[in-house]
């Protein structure tokens, strides 16, 4: 759960220094890569959904 919180904070650019240090000392790189890819995928799907709703068919 901490990995997803850290990825979300980093995604929006609001990660604080203590969490960043915790992530580098305790986190696994593979977990952050997977969570980051999932966050980007969800973001792209949301953008496509919003554009589909706004643009006329």
C-alpha atoms as a PDB file:
ATOM      1  CA  UNK A   1       0.000   0.000   0.000  1.00  0.00           C
ATOM      2  CA  UNK A   2       2.883   2.367   0.714  1.00  0.00           C
ATOM      3  CA  UNK A   3       4.159   1.753  -2.799  1.00  0.00           C
ATOM      4  CA  UNK A   4       0.902   2.948  -4.357  1.00  0.00           C
ATOM      5  CA  UNK A   5       0.833   6.001  -2.084  1.00  0.00           C
ATOM      6  CA  UNK A   6       4.385   6.863  -3.078  1.00  0.00           C
ATOM      7  CA  UNK A   7       3.701   6.374  -6.769  1.00  0.00           C
ATOM      8  CA  UNK A   8       0.581   8.539  -6.564  1.00  0.00           C
ATOM      9  CA  UNK A   9       2.476  11.279  -4.721  1.00  0.00           C
ATOM     10  CA  UNK A  10       5.323  11.137  -7.227  1.00  0.00           C
ATOM     11  CA  UNK A  11       2.851  11.130 -10.119  1.00  0.00           C
ATOM     12  CA  UNK A  12       1.499  14.488  -8.929  1.00  0.00           C
ATOM     13  CA  UNK A  13       4.914  15.758  -7.811  1.00  0.00           C
ATOM     14  CA  UNK A  14       4.170  16.131  -4.094  1.00  0.00           C
ATOM     15  CA  UNK A  15       6.439  13.481  -2.552  1.00  0.00           C
ATOM     16  CA  UNK A  16       8.097  14.674   0.664  1.00  0.00           C
ATOM     17  CA  UNK A  17      11.710  13.997   1.575  1.00  0.00           C
ATOM     18  CA  UNK A  18      11.081  11.529   4.422  1.00  0.00           C
ATOM     19  CA  UNK A  19       8.865   9.334   2.234  1.00  0.00           C
ATOM     20  CA  UNK A  20      11.414   9.466  -0.577  1.00  0.00           C
ATOM     21  CA  UNK A  21      14.164   8.294   1.788  1.00  0.00           C
ATOM     22  CA  UNK A  22      11.899   5.504   3.086  1.00  0.00           C
ATOM     23  CA  UNK A  23      11.144   4.391  -0.471  1.00  0.00           C
ATOM     24  CA  UNK A  24      14.817   4.197  -1.421  1.00  0.00           C
ATOM     25  CA  UNK A  25      15.764   2.288   1.717  1.00  0.00           C
ATOM     26  CA  UNK A  26      12.807  -0.116   2.025  1.00  0.00           C
ATOM     27  CA  UNK A  27      11.091  -0.299  -1.357  1.00  0.00           C
ATOM     28  CA  UNK A  28      11.767  -2.694  -4.214  1.00  0.00           C
ATOM     29  CA  UNK A  29      12.391  -1.235  -7.642  1.00  0.00           C
ATOM     30  CA  UNK A  30      10.195  -3.818  -9.379  1.00  0.00           C
ATOM     31  CA  UNK A  31       7.207  -2.857  -7.203  1.00  0.00           C
ATOM     32  CA  UNK A  32       7.612   0.806  -8.082  1.00  0.00           C
ATOM     33  CA  UNK A  33       7.944   0.055 -11.795  1.00  0.00           C
ATOM     34  CA  UNK A  34       4.797  -2.091 -11.816  1.00  0.00           C
ATOM     35  CA  UNK A  35       2.809   0.441  -9.766  1.00  0.00           C
ATOM     36  CA  UNK A  36       4.032   3.265 -11.998  1.00  0.00           C
ATOM     37  CA  UNK A  37       3.027   1.438 -15.166  1.00  0.00           C
ATOM     38  CA  UNK A  38      -0.409   0.700 -13.702  1.00  0.00           C
ATOM     39  CA  UNK A  39      -0.824   4.373 -12.738  1.00  0.00           C
ATOM     40  CA  UNK A  40       0.083   5.498 -16.255  1.00  0.00           C
ATOM     41  CA  UNK A  41      -2.274   2.932 -17.790  1.00  0.00           C
ATOM     42  CA  UNK A  42      -5.148   4.081 -15.565  1.00  0.00           C
ATOM     43  CA  UNK A  43      -4.363   7.712 -16.423  1.00  0.00           C
ATOM     44  CA  UNK A  44      -4.433   6.997 -20.177  1.00  0.00           C
ATOM     45  CA  UNK A  45      -7.715   5.063 -19.904  1.00  0.00           C
ATOM     46  CA  UNK A  46      -9.263   7.959 -17.968  1.00  0.00           C
ATOM     47  CA  UNK A  47      -8.094  10.450 -20.593  1.00  0.00           C
ATOM     48  CA  UNK A  48      -9.549   8.339 -23.389  1.00  0.00           C
ATOM     49  CA  UNK A  49     -12.846   8.036 -21.494  1.00  0.00           C
ATOM     50  CA  UNK A  50     -13.070  11.805 -20.926  1.00  0.00           C
ATOM     51  CA  UNK A  51     -12.258  12.588 -24.557  1.00  0.00           C
ATOM     52  CA  UNK A  52     -14.843  10.032 -25.710  1.00  0.00           C
ATOM     53  CA  UNK A  53     -17.506  11.660 -23.557  1.00  0.00           C
ATOM     54  CA  UNK A  54     -16.657  15.205 -24.650  1.00  0.00           C
ATOM     55  CA  UNK A  55     -16.195  14.645 -28.374  1.00  0.00           C
ATOM     56  CA  UNK A  56     -19.331  14.026 -30.424  1.00  0.00           C
ATOM     57  CA  UNK A  57     -19.514  10.665 -32.178  1.00  0.00           C
END
